[in-house]
């Protein structure tokens, strides 16, 4: 990441030039899937660098501020009256991106290089710098047609700010307050043709005091508490009548999905002191509607187009939006215009999808989601924004590609509610989103210390309204959680629910992510029973504590150990040594809370099950085994139980999907987008068509996550001793799997005289004999024994570890390899590797790493068709890696192939 690696000698102007070039490439990528972002907003994109923002005179335009100049108020002697004057001297102020918290701006200018390395953020950044307000300043030039209505739109400032324009204060910190508070300020009388100046004084943030953003135990908190501008500031131009908040409410006919009724709404505002008659027209595909209304002075009215009035809004054979694994994600465009006296006064646009979402709590108190009439298992992960809230849109899109590749269908955003581009990406990639307020901090301190005031209640209502308006059009958004760990008090719950409903919220409203009951919203149907730290794979199959029943809104086995490439980027040599030599050592990159600050539970289990680590390399290799098997088991247990007649599993949210910064805790892929054991365990478990083993009853289960039945499948199950001798084989043919279901197909017998460590190999093939799913387990006749009676909120003790240390005794195996690479016109590259086991021993857990030439940097993001594979004697497997050709940095692709019991080889991709 450029922001983290900019050398001290790199000037701010060179930073800006490099970021501008990168943003140009990114804009092409985003526009290819129909997403447009504010100019200069992508990946901390181009800053003005002395060039003022140009505001065109055309009606219906929203011009984002292209960049800011930033300076601490402690070094500014003037007040807002002077700082917001066009001729104010801002020499020496720091140029920063249009969406930039204070600390992000300092990092952008090279003030804190390598801030995420080791303890640099703790030791090298003075928190006192952020105890005072900071000034943001930008000049903009207004051109074109005079006399237009001008609105200043603030989309998100943390956590309070005074707003000044051309020497006049237009809003105070008592009005602009709360992280998600969208404010629209009429500045028509203050804006002048030519040069203008906007100044924003952002005040210190405190998540325990403000309805802001906090990091709890997800990551070390940034020293500035994310104070500053983190969403776009826009200058909006219209005629005398403006259009805002276009939305479409859809009603889909079930079960056939062959008809939909659309209701179109838009807020129409007369900004002047005279009555205005306005013609409002809308268009969706070839559907056109029109209404003429007369507005009194300063009146705001919602204009509604219903199917009853306009029969063309009642459509047959609509294009239905589906989650990724169940169908396509078509979107519609709504375009609206307002004309006054025949002249265009404003225009508005939005996209929407046609789909139906319902949710109910079943008889076993589990929340079940139903999409387009089809119940499905929610398989998701918890989202973490960048720790400095940098809008890295290219990285964001890369992560959505990962989510699809992982086979997940949902992301939960707890209090990290992101930008419009996030939801646009979710719409287009078919990933359902479950947003909600965060736990702890001010958000759930309704009573006691720092209890809510009347202002807090007012602000909470404003934030709820802002998010409802931002989210309601997105088909990917399927619910809102108005609480996280707790259900709000009745009066706050009513405030949230009323605000959502007043703003045309049609999705489920859930009281919290924990087992709670709201006075209005009823039972949550969710549990937050954890665990959050290490438990063995067989833990997930027991229907108690965090086991596979109901809807668990956050759960995982804790620590996720990155690869050596990532560890060496984030940890000092001393921290690396402590990782495998001192399990009780506090790790700054684990978590700030004392509960999770060390890795002792995970590492003790690692040593107890696989043998004490002999080096950092050995520790990391064993950690990938542990992460793979545990993450796979967690998802597979919930997947197996989704059709149970008693206590079915209805949803799980892996805690977490990603990290806000480089971390040893809670992720499926690391901060550098490097996939490892956790990633490939999840990817294996969530295959569309899948065969899996059950740790509790030895059943072999077939799974179909698609919307169509799968037929003529064959399942084979084999059991091998550690030395590779076959002990059991069974094949079941003519298997049919119904859509969106799991089914037990056979049960492996209890075998005697197995080696203490043994293997189970499962394969699913289609009617043509092609492999659809291939799954290998390493198991022990000495099982993990769990003491459920001693369960704590974050883990359950294990009194006996599985005997897997015999894996160290695997005889060496030899894998021959061949590889080739090709480039596509769209800039992607693909490297194919064929692995053939040419020995008479099992080649276990073979890992492939793509690099920028032999010995070069590992390439990320990268999508592997499979990884960490085990290959039987005489067997060949072919895997592919897909990546951006530009990420090779001009080098020839190479692949490192390394296995548990195979020598490491490096292959050239040409």
Foldseek 3Di string as FASTA:
>chain_A
DCLQAPDLPQALVNLQVVQQVVVVVVQVVQVVLPDHDAAQQAQQHHWCPPPAAEAEQDAADKHWGAWWFKDFVVPPPDDLLQLFALPRDPPPTQIGTQAFFPVSSCSSRVVQHNCQFAPNQVPVDDLVSQQGWMKIKGKYAYDDDPDWWKKKKAQFFPAFKWKHKNSRTQDGRLVRGAGGFIDITTCNVRDDHTMMMIMMIWHQHDLQQGNYDDCAWQAPAGSRNLGTGRDTIIMHTFHQKEKDLWAKDWDADPDVSFKIAIKIKIKIWGAAQAKFWKKKWKDKPNDIDIDIDIDHHGDIDMDMDGCVNPVVRIDGRDDAAAAQQADAQDKIKMKMFMDTPNHTGHIDIDIFGHWDWDWDQDPQLFIWIAISNRTFFQEAFEDDAASSSRNNPVVLLQLLVLCVLLLGAEYEYAQCLDDLSNLVSCSRNRHAYEYEYHDDRQLAQCDDPSHDDPSNLVVLLSSLLSVLSSPQRRPSYAEYAHEEADFDPQVSVCSNVVSNVVNVRDHQYARYQDQDQHPPNGTRQHHQLEAAAADALQVQQDPDRNHQFHAYAEYFRKFQADAPLLCVSHYDPVLLQCLQPPQQDFGSQFTPDPVTRGRNVVQVLLCQAANRAPHSNSSRVSSLVRLLSNLLSNLLSLQQQQPPPPRHGRYYYYQHDEGNGAHRIGHQAYPQLHGTSNSQSSSQNSQQWHWDARPPQQFIKTFHAYQAKAWFKKKKKWKAALFGHTDDIDMDTGDIDGYNHMDGDGGDDDDPPGHQKIKMWMFMAHNVRHTRHIDMDIFGPFDWAWDQVQDDSHGTDTPHHRHNNCNLVFAAWEKDKDKAKDADPVQKIKMKMKIFTQGQGKFFQKAKFKALPVPHRTFPDKNKSHGRDIAHHGGMDMMMIMHGNVSSVPGFIKMWIDTPRYDIDIGTHD
